[in-house]
Protein backbone atom coordinates (compact mmCIF):
# COMPACT_ATOMS: atom_id res chain seq x y z
CA MET A 1 3.70 42.46 -0.82
CA SER A 2 0.94 44.84 0.01
CA ILE A 3 -0.26 46.16 3.30
CA LEU A 4 -3.39 48.35 3.36
CA GLY A 5 -2.95 48.93 -0.41
CA ARG A 6 0.64 50.03 -0.16
CA SER A 7 3.42 47.96 -1.68
CA TYR A 8 6.52 47.07 0.33
CA LYS A 9 9.59 45.14 -0.55
CA VAL A 10 11.25 43.18 2.19
CA ALA A 11 14.27 40.91 1.84
CA CYS A 12 14.11 37.59 3.48
CA ALA A 13 15.73 34.18 3.21
CA ALA A 14 14.16 31.84 0.72
CA GLY A 15 13.12 29.52 3.61
CA GLU A 16 11.20 32.41 5.43
CA ARG A 17 9.16 33.67 2.46
CA GLU A 18 6.12 31.79 3.36
CA ALA A 19 6.11 32.89 7.02
CA LEU A 20 6.68 36.44 5.81
CA LEU A 21 3.71 36.27 3.46
CA GLN A 22 1.55 34.93 6.35
CA SER A 23 2.54 37.69 8.52
CA VAL A 24 1.97 40.11 5.84
CA ALA A 25 -1.67 38.83 5.45
CA TYR A 26 -2.23 38.76 9.27
CA LEU A 27 -0.89 42.28 9.65
CA ASP A 28 -3.09 43.53 6.60
CA GLY A 29 -6.15 41.73 8.00
CA LYS A 30 -5.69 43.54 11.39
CA MET A 31 -5.12 46.89 9.77
CA ARG A 32 -8.19 46.46 7.53
CA GLU A 33 -10.41 45.54 10.63
CA ILE A 34 -9.17 48.73 12.33
CA LYS A 35 -9.77 50.92 9.22
CA GLU A 36 -13.29 49.62 8.62
CA SER A 37 -14.24 50.24 12.06
CA GLY A 38 -13.88 53.97 11.13
CA LYS A 39 -12.76 55.03 14.66
CA ILE A 40 -9.20 55.70 13.61
CA ALA A 41 -7.93 57.63 10.61
CA GLY A 42 -4.47 57.71 9.11
CA THR A 43 -2.24 54.85 8.15
CA GLU A 44 0.22 55.43 10.98
CA ARG A 45 -2.49 55.46 13.63
CA ILE A 46 -4.07 52.37 12.10
CA ALA A 47 -0.50 50.78 12.15
CA VAL A 48 0.16 51.78 15.59
CA MET A 49 -3.18 50.22 16.79
CA ALA A 50 -2.55 47.07 14.87
CA ALA A 51 0.80 46.60 16.67
CA LEU A 52 -0.76 47.17 19.89
CA ASN A 53 -3.35 44.59 19.31
CA ILE A 54 -0.96 41.97 17.95
CA ALA A 55 1.47 42.59 21.00
CA HIS A 56 -1.66 42.03 23.24
CA GLU A 57 -2.41 38.79 21.34
CA LEU A 58 1.22 37.82 21.76
CA LEU A 59 1.35 38.68 25.34
CA GLY A 60 -1.67 36.80 26.03
CA THR A 61 -0.11 33.64 24.73
CA LYS A 62 2.90 33.69 26.92
CA LEU A 63 2.67 31.96 30.15
CA GLY A 64 5.00 32.02 33.07
CA ASN A 65 8.73 32.62 32.92
CA GLY A 66 8.39 35.53 35.34
CA PHE A 67 6.37 37.48 32.88
CA ASP A 68 3.26 39.34 34.40
CA ILE A 69 0.71 39.07 31.54
CA GLY A 70 -1.88 40.87 33.58
CA GLN A 71 0.53 43.82 34.19
CA ALA A 72 1.30 43.94 30.40
CA LYS A 73 -2.40 43.78 29.55
CA ARG A 74 -3.21 46.69 31.82
CA ARG A 75 -0.27 48.65 30.27
CA ILE A 76 -1.26 48.11 26.84
CA SER A 77 -5.03 49.09 27.81
CA ALA A 78 -3.70 52.27 29.32
CA ILE A 79 -1.70 53.11 26.09
CA GLU A 80 -4.64 52.27 23.90
CA ALA A 81 -6.73 54.96 26.06
CA GLN A 82 -4.05 57.45 25.82
CA LEU A 83 -3.84 56.99 22.02
CA ASP A 84 -7.67 57.13 21.83
CA GLU A 85 -7.74 60.40 23.75
CA ALA A 86 -4.85 61.92 21.63
CA ILE A 87 -6.44 60.92 18.47
CA ALA A 88 -9.87 62.22 19.59
CA LYS A 89 -8.26 65.72 20.36
CA GLN A 90 -6.39 65.81 16.96
CA GLU A 91 -9.48 64.90 15.01
CA LYS A 92 -11.40 67.79 16.55
CA LEU A 93 -8.66 70.04 14.95
CA PHE A 94 -9.77 68.98 11.63
C-alpha cells in the first residue's frame, strides 16, 4: 500500500484487507488535499493535520453517550491553531 507516495507493509486478517485498503485510500486522499493546499510542508506535519481532520470528522459523527462533541471540536480547533502557529514560526527559520 502507498500513502503520499511512500510504501508501507501492514499485516491484517484476510477478512480485513478491503477495509484496510479503503482506510489507506481515505488517508492518502486527506494527506494529498493538505499537501496540495500548500499551507503545510513536511510529511509528518501533513500526517498530524490529516489525523486531526479525521478525528474531527469522527467526533462529529458520534452523538450522545455522554460525549461532548462541541467541547471536542473546540479542543481540536485550539490544537490546529497551535500547530499552525508553531509551523509558521518554524517555516520562518528556513
